[in-house]
Amino acid sequence: MRPVYERGTITPFGATTAWPVVADERIVGRQVSVGGGDHGVAVAVSGDDVIRALGATLADVTDPEQVG
């Protein structure tokens, strides 16, 4: 039986399928908040740990017009 993921609650942690993860390069050395698998649930973790645990690819994914 395939798991059912509710829209807005999907997180790569604990997923039954390994998904490719692209993380903004600005999370290196910072604490980040990631979805906890349910609406309104989040977990604060080290960005470095996220990168390592998920094998994330780093990229500049920030829209410069939105940074302010």
PDB file of N, CA and C in Angstrom:
ATOM      1  N   MET A   1       0.846  -1.185   0.000  1.00  0.00           N
ATOM      2  CA  MET A   1       0.000   0.000   0.000  1.00  0.00           C
ATOM      3  C   MET A   1       0.886   1.240   0.000  1.00  0.00           C
ATOM      4  N   ARG A   2       0.600   2.170  -0.866  1.00  0.00           N
ATOM      5  CA  ARG A   2       1.369   3.410  -0.954  1.00  0.00           C
ATOM      6  C   ARG A   2       0.904   4.396   0.110  1.00  0.00           C
ATOM      7  N   PRO A   3       1.847   5.131   0.694  1.00  0.00           N
ATOM      8  CA  PRO A   3       1.445   6.125   1.693  1.00  0.00           C
ATOM      9  C   PRO A   3       0.676   7.262   1.039  1.00  0.00           C
ATOM     10  N   VAL A   4      -0.159   7.892   1.800  1.00  0.00           N
ATOM     11  CA  VAL A   4      -0.917   9.047   1.322  1.00  0.00           C
ATOM     12  C   VAL A   4      -0.316  10.284   1.974  1.00  0.00           C
ATOM     13  N   TYR A   5       0.152  11.199   1.145  1.00  0.00           N
ATOM     14  CA  TYR A   5       0.721  12.445   1.645  1.00  0.00           C
ATOM     15  C   TYR A   5      -0.281  13.558   1.407  1.00  0.00           C
ATOM     16  N   GLU A   6      -0.617  14.275   2.464  1.00  0.00           N
ATOM     17  CA  GLU A   6      -1.543  15.385   2.336  1.00  0.00           C
ATOM     18  C   GLU A   6      -0.783  16.618   1.834  1.00  0.00           C
ATOM     19  N   ARG A   7      -1.360  17.312   0.900  1.00  0.00           N
ATOM     20  CA  ARG A   7      -0.728  18.506   0.335  1.00  0.00           C
ATOM     21  C   ARG A   7      -0.336  19.479   1.454  1.00  0.00           C
ATOM     22  N   GLY A   8       0.903  19.974   1.361  1.00  0.00           N
ATOM     23  CA  GLY A   8       1.401  20.925   2.353  1.00  0.00           C
ATOM     24  C   GLY A   8       2.058  20.285   3.550  1.00  0.00           C
ATOM     25  N   THR A   9       2.119  18.957   3.588  1.00  0.00           N
ATOM     26  CA  THR A   9       2.712  18.283   4.737  1.00  0.00           C
ATOM     27  C   THR A   9       3.884  17.390   4.356  1.00  0.00           C
ATOM     28  N   ILE A  10       4.264  17.399   3.099  1.00  0.00           N
ATOM     29  CA  ILE A  10       5.301  16.480   2.634  1.00  0.00           C
ATOM     30  C   ILE A  10       6.675  16.943   3.114  1.00  0.00           C
ATOM     31  N   THR A  11       7.432  16.020   3.660  1.00  0.00           N
ATOM     32  CA  THR A  11       8.794  16.275   4.096  1.00  0.00           C
ATOM     33  C   THR A  11       9.672  15.123   3.621  1.00  0.00           C
ATOM     34  N   PRO A  12      10.910  15.390   3.226  1.00  0.00           N
ATOM     35  CA  PRO A  12      11.773  14.301   2.765  1.00  0.00           C
ATOM     36  C   PRO A  12      12.269  13.412   3.905  1.00  0.00           C
ATOM     37  N   PHE A  13      12.116  13.853   5.149  1.00  0.00           N
ATOM     38  CA  PHE A  13      12.549  13.035   6.278  1.00  0.00           C
ATOM     39  C   PHE A  13      11.552  11.910   6.530  1.00  0.00           C
ATOM     40  N   GLY A  14      12.024  10.683   6.471  1.00  0.00           N
ATOM     41  CA  GLY A  14      11.167   9.533   6.735  1.00  0.00           C
ATOM     42  C   GLY A  14      10.284   9.137   5.570  1.00  0.00           C
ATOM     43  N   ALA A  15      10.461   9.749   4.408  1.00  0.00           N
ATOM     44  CA  ALA A  15       9.654   9.398   3.243  1.00  0.00           C
ATOM     45  C   ALA A  15      10.013   7.990   2.778  1.00  0.00           C
ATOM     46  N   THR A  16       9.053   7.306   2.210  1.00  0.00           N
ATOM     47  CA  THR A  16       9.299   5.944   1.728  1.00  0.00           C
ATOM     48  C   THR A  16      10.080   5.934   0.422  1.00  0.00           C
ATOM     49  N   THR A  17      10.159   7.083  -0.223  1.00  0.00           N
ATOM     50  CA  THR A  17      10.924   7.236  -1.456  1.00  0.00           C
ATOM     51  C   THR A  17      11.985   8.310  -1.232  1.00  0.00           C
ATOM     52  N   ALA A  18      13.214   8.044  -1.644  1.00  0.00           N
ATOM     53  CA  ALA A  18      14.268   9.059  -1.525  1.00  0.00           C
ATOM     54  C   ALA A  18      14.082  10.088  -2.638  1.00  0.00           C
ATOM     55  N   TRP A  19      13.769  11.305  -2.277  1.00  0.00           N
ATOM     56  CA  TRP A  19      13.541  12.357  -3.240  1.00  0.00           C
ATOM     57  C   TRP A  19      14.799  13.200  -3.399  1.00  0.00           C
ATOM     58  N   PRO A  20      15.026  13.747  -4.579  1.00  0.00           N
ATOM     59  CA  PRO A  20      16.137  14.687  -4.712  1.00  0.00           C
ATOM     60  C   PRO A  20      15.798  15.960  -3.947  1.00  0.00           C
ATOM     61  N   VAL A  21      16.763  16.480  -3.218  1.00  0.00           N
ATOM     62  CA  VAL A  21      16.541  17.680  -2.411  1.00  0.00           C
ATOM     63  C   VAL A  21      17.514  18.760  -2.857  1.00  0.00           C
ATOM     64  N   VAL A  22      16.988  19.938  -3.162  1.00  0.00           N
ATOM     65  CA  VAL A  22      17.806  21.098  -3.483  1.00  0.00           C
ATOM     66  C   VAL A  22      17.591  22.099  -2.353  1.00  0.00           C
ATOM     67  N   ALA A  23      18.683  22.500  -1.714  1.00  0.00           N
ATOM     68  CA  ALA A  23      18.608  23.435  -0.591  1.00  0.00           C
ATOM     69  C   ALA A  23      19.310  24.730  -0.956  1.00  0.00           C
ATOM     70  N   ASP A  24      18.761  25.835  -0.505  1.00  0.00           N
ATOM     71  CA  ASP A  24      19.420  27.107  -0.751  1.00  0.00           C
ATOM     72  C   ASP A  24      20.760  27.129  -0.023  1.00  0.00           C
ATOM     73  N   GLU A  25      21.775  27.606  -0.704  1.00  0.00           N
ATOM     74  CA  GLU A  25      23.131  27.612  -0.148  1.00  0.00           C
ATOM     75  C   GLU A  25      23.238  28.443   1.122  1.00  0.00           C
ATOM     76  N   ARG A  26      22.273  29.290   1.392  1.00  0.00           N
ATOM     77  CA  ARG A  26      22.302  30.137   2.591  1.00  0.00           C
ATOM     78  C   ARG A  26      22.004  29.377   3.877  1.00  0.00           C
ATOM     79  N   ILE A  27      21.602  28.097   3.795  1.00  0.00           N
ATOM     80  CA  ILE A  27      21.315  27.356   5.028  1.00  0.00           C
ATOM     81  C   ILE A  27      22.583  26.811   5.686  1.00  0.00           C
ATOM     82  N   VAL A  28      23.708  26.852   4.981  1.00  0.00           N
ATOM     83  CA  VAL A  28      24.966  26.362   5.550  1.00  0.00           C
ATOM     84  C   VAL A  28      25.300  27.174   6.803  1.00  0.00           C
ATOM     85  N   GLY A  29      25.546  26.470   7.912  1.00  0.00           N
ATOM     86  CA  GLY A  29      25.930  27.121   9.155  1.00  0.00           C
ATOM     87  C   GLY A  29      24.805  27.810   9.901  1.00  0.00           C
ATOM     88  N   ARG A  30      23.560  27.598   9.462  1.00  0.00           N
ATOM     89  CA  ARG A  30      22.418  28.262  10.100  1.00  0.00           C
ATOM     90  C   ARG A  30      21.414  27.242  10.606  1.00  0.00           C
ATOM     91  N   GLN A  31      20.555  27.670  11.507  1.00  0.00           N
ATOM     92  CA  GLN A  31      19.441  26.846  11.941  1.00  0.00           C
ATOM     93  C   GLN A  31      18.285  27.111  10.987  1.00  0.00           C
ATOM     94  N   VAL A  32      17.583  26.048  10.592  1.00  0.00           N
ATOM     95  CA  VAL A  32      16.459  26.178   9.667  1.00  0.00           C
ATOM     96  C   VAL A  32      15.241  25.475  10.238  1.00  0.00           C
ATOM     97  N   SER A  33      14.090  25.830   9.730  1.00  0.00           N
ATOM     98  CA  SER A  33      12.842  25.191  10.125  1.00  0.00           C
ATOM     99  C   SER A  33      12.356  24.332   8.966  1.00  0.00           C
ATOM    100  N   VAL A  34      12.077  23.061   9.251  1.00  0.00           N
ATOM    101  CA  VAL A  34      11.587  22.161   8.212  1.00  0.00           C
ATOM    102  C   VAL A  34      10.239  21.588   8.637  1.00  0.00           C
ATOM    103  N   GLY A  35       9.436  21.231   7.646  1.00  0.00           N
ATOM    104  CA  GLY A  35       8.128  20.660   7.925  1.00  0.00           C
ATOM    105  C   GLY A  35       8.221  19.390   8.746  1.00  0.00           C
ATOM    106  N   GLY A  36       7.285  19.237   9.665  1.00  0.00           N
ATOM    107  CA  GLY A  36       7.267  18.071  10.543  1.00  0.00           C
ATOM    108  C   GLY A  36       6.270  17.005  10.135  1.00  0.00           C
ATOM    109  N   GLY A  37       5.699  17.112   8.944  1.00  0.00           N
ATOM    110  CA  GLY A  37       4.825  16.058   8.442  1.00  0.00           C
ATOM    111  C   GLY A  37       3.345  16.250   8.697  1.00  0.00           C
ATOM    112  N   ASP A  38       2.952  17.389   9.271  1.00  0.00           N
ATOM    113  CA  ASP A  38       1.543  17.681   9.496  1.00  0.00           C
ATOM    114  C   ASP A  38       1.382  19.196   9.448  1.00  0.00           C
ATOM    115  N   HIS A  39       0.191  19.660   9.211  1.00  0.00           N
ATOM    116  CA  HIS A  39      -0.052  21.099   9.171  1.00  0.00           C
ATOM    117  C   HIS A  39       0.296  21.717  10.518  1.00  0.00           C
ATOM    118  N   GLY A  40       1.050  22.806  10.488  1.00  0.00           N
ATOM    119  CA  GLY A  40       1.404  23.519  11.705  1.00  0.00           C
ATOM    120  C   GLY A  40       2.507  22.883  12.518  1.00  0.00           C
ATOM    121  N   VAL A  41       3.147  21.852  11.990  1.00  0.00           N
ATOM    122  CA  VAL A  41       4.221  21.174  12.725  1.00  0.00           C
ATOM    123  C   VAL A  41       5.535  21.415  12.000  1.00  0.00           C
ATOM    124  N   ALA A  42       6.517  21.939  12.722  1.00  0.00           N
ATOM    125  CA  ALA A  42       7.833  22.194  12.148  1.00  0.00           C
ATOM    126  C   ALA A  42       8.893  21.822  13.171  1.00  0.00           C
ATOM    127  N   VAL A  43      10.095  21.606  12.687  1.00  0.00           N
ATOM    128  CA  VAL A  43      11.220  21.240  13.534  1.00  0.00           C
ATOM    129  C   VAL A  43      12.387  22.163  13.182  1.00  0.00           C
ATOM    130  N   ALA A  44      13.041  22.728  14.190  1.00  0.00           N
ATOM    131  CA  ALA A  44      14.223  23.549  13.964  1.00  0.00           C
ATOM    132  C   ALA A  44      15.450  22.649  14.027  1.00  0.00           C
ATOM    133  N   VAL A  45      16.251  22.675  12.975  1.00  0.00           N
ATOM    134  CA  VAL A  45      17.430  21.815  12.884  1.00  0.00           C
ATOM    135  C   VAL A  45      18.591  22.588  12.250  1.00  0.00           C
ATOM    136  N   SER A  46      19.771  22.032  12.364  1.00  0.00           N
ATOM    137  CA  SER A  46      20.948  22.607  11.728  1.00  0.00           C
ATOM    138  C   SER A  46      20.855  22.428  10.221  1.00  0.00           C
ATOM    139  N   GLY A  47      21.077  23.509   9.483  1.00  0.00           N
ATOM    140  CA  GLY A  47      21.095  23.415   8.025  1.00  0.00           C
ATOM    141  C   GLY A  47      22.146  22.428   7.550  1.00  0.00           C
ATOM    142  N   ASP A  48      23.292  22.403   8.222  1.00  0.00           N
ATOM    143  CA  ASP A  48      24.354  21.462   7.855  1.00  0.00           C
ATOM    144  C   ASP A  48      23.886  20.016   8.014  1.00  0.00           C
ATOM    145  N   ASP A  49      23.107  19.749   9.079  1.00  0.00           N
ATOM    146  CA  ASP A  49      22.579  18.391   9.287  1.00  0.00           C
ATOM    147  C   ASP A  49      21.566  18.016   8.212  1.00  0.00           C
ATOM    148  N   VAL A  50      20.751  18.981   7.800  1.00  0.00           N
ATOM    149  CA  VAL A  50      19.776  18.732   6.733  1.00  0.00           C
ATOM    150  C   VAL A  50      20.505  18.343   5.441  1.00  0.00           C
ATOM    151  N   ILE A  51      21.516  19.121   5.103  1.00  0.00           N
ATOM    152  CA  ILE A  51      22.283  18.854   3.880  1.00  0.00           C
ATOM    153  C   ILE A  51      22.885  17.460   3.927  1.00  0.00           C
ATOM    154  N   ARG A  52      23.511  17.148   5.044  1.00  0.00           N
ATOM    155  CA  ARG A  52      24.179  15.851   5.204  1.00  0.00           C
ATOM    156  C   ARG A  52      23.177  14.691   5.196  1.00  0.00           C
ATOM    157  N   ALA A  53      22.115  14.810   5.969  1.00  0.00           N
ATOM    158  CA  ALA A  53      21.148  13.717   6.100  1.00  0.00           C
ATOM    159  C   ALA A  53      20.414  13.410   4.797  1.00  0.00           C
ATOM    160  N   LEU A  54      20.150  14.456   4.017  1.00  0.00           N
ATOM    161  CA  LEU A  54      19.370  14.274   2.792  1.00  0.00           C
ATOM    162  C   LEU A  54      20.221  14.226   1.536  1.00  0.00           C
ATOM    163  N   GLY A  55      21.526  14.426   1.680  1.00  0.00           N
ATOM    164  CA  GLY A  55      22.380  14.465   0.499  1.00  0.00           C
ATOM    165  C   GLY A  55      21.959  15.585  -0.432  1.00  0.00           C
ATOM    166  N   ALA A  56      21.569  16.709   0.156  1.00  0.00           N
ATOM    167  CA  ALA A  56      21.021  17.818  -0.621  1.00  0.00           C
ATOM    168  C   ALA A  56      22.055  18.448  -1.541  1.00  0.00           C
ATOM    169  N   THR A  57      21.583  18.886  -2.684  1.00  0.00           N
ATOM    170  CA  THR A  57      22.371  19.673  -3.610  1.00  0.00           C
ATOM    171  C   THR A  57      22.184  21.132  -3.232  1.00  0.00           C
ATOM    172  N   LEU A  58      23.287  21.879  -3.120  1.00  0.00           N
ATOM    173  CA  LEU A  58      23.190  23.296  -2.777  1.00  0.00           C
ATOM    174  C   LEU A  58      23.124  24.137  -4.037  1.00  0.00           C
ATOM    175  N   ALA A  59      22.291  25.174  -3.998  1.00  0.00           N
ATOM    176  CA  ALA A  59      22.150  26.096  -5.119  1.00  0.00           C
ATOM    177  C   ALA A  59      21.644  27.428  -4.597  1.00  0.00           C
ATOM    178  N   ASP A  60      21.825  28.464  -5.375  1.00  0.00           N
ATOM    179  CA  ASP A  60      21.253  29.754  -5.056  1.00  0.00           C
ATOM    180  C   ASP A  60      19.839  29.762  -5.618  1.00  0.00           C
ATOM    181  N   VAL A  61      18.855  29.518  -4.773  1.00  0.00           N
ATOM    182  CA  VAL A  61      17.468  29.425  -5.231  1.00  0.00           C
ATOM    183  C   VAL A  61      16.612  30.599  -4.743  1.00  0.00           C
ATOM    184  N   THR A  62      17.253  31.609  -4.158  1.00  0.00           N
ATOM    185  CA  THR A  62      16.520  32.755  -3.649  1.00  0.00           C
ATOM    186  C   THR A  62      16.235  33.743  -4.766  1.00  0.00           C
ATOM    187  N   ASP A  63      15.026  34.251  -4.803  1.00  0.00           N
ATOM    188  CA  ASP A  63      14.652  35.290  -5.752  1.00  0.00           C
ATOM    189  C   ASP A  63      15.155  36.621  -5.183  1.00  0.00           C
ATOM    190  N   PRO A  64      16.154  37.243  -5.806  1.00  0.00           N
ATOM    191  CA  PRO A  64      16.727  38.468  -5.256  1.00  0.00           C
ATOM    192  C   PRO A  64      15.713  39.604  -5.068  1.00  0.00           C
ATOM    193  N   GLU A  65      14.643  39.589  -5.821  1.00  0.00           N
ATOM    194  CA  GLU A  65      13.617  40.624  -5.658  1.00  0.00           C
ATOM    195  C   GLU A  65      12.817  40.419  -4.380  1.00  0.00           C
ATOM    196  N   GLN A  66      12.820  39.218  -3.843  1.00  0.00           N
ATOM    197  CA  GLN A  66      12.051  38.925  -2.636  1.00  0.00           C
ATOM    198  C   GLN A  66      12.889  39.066  -1.369  1.00  0.00           C
ATOM    199  N   VAL A  67      14.195  39.163  -1.485  1.00  0.00           N
ATOM    200  CA  VAL A  67      15.075  39.295  -0.323  1.00  0.00           C
ATOM    201  C   VAL A  67      15.119  40.749   0.066  1.00  0.00           C
ATOM    202  N   GLY A  68      14.940  41.016   1.345  1.00  0.00           N
ATOM    203  CA  GLY A  68      14.932  42.413   1.644  1.00  0.00           C
ATOM    204  C   GLY A  68      15.210  42.720   3.020  1.00  0.00           C
TER     205      GLY A  68
END
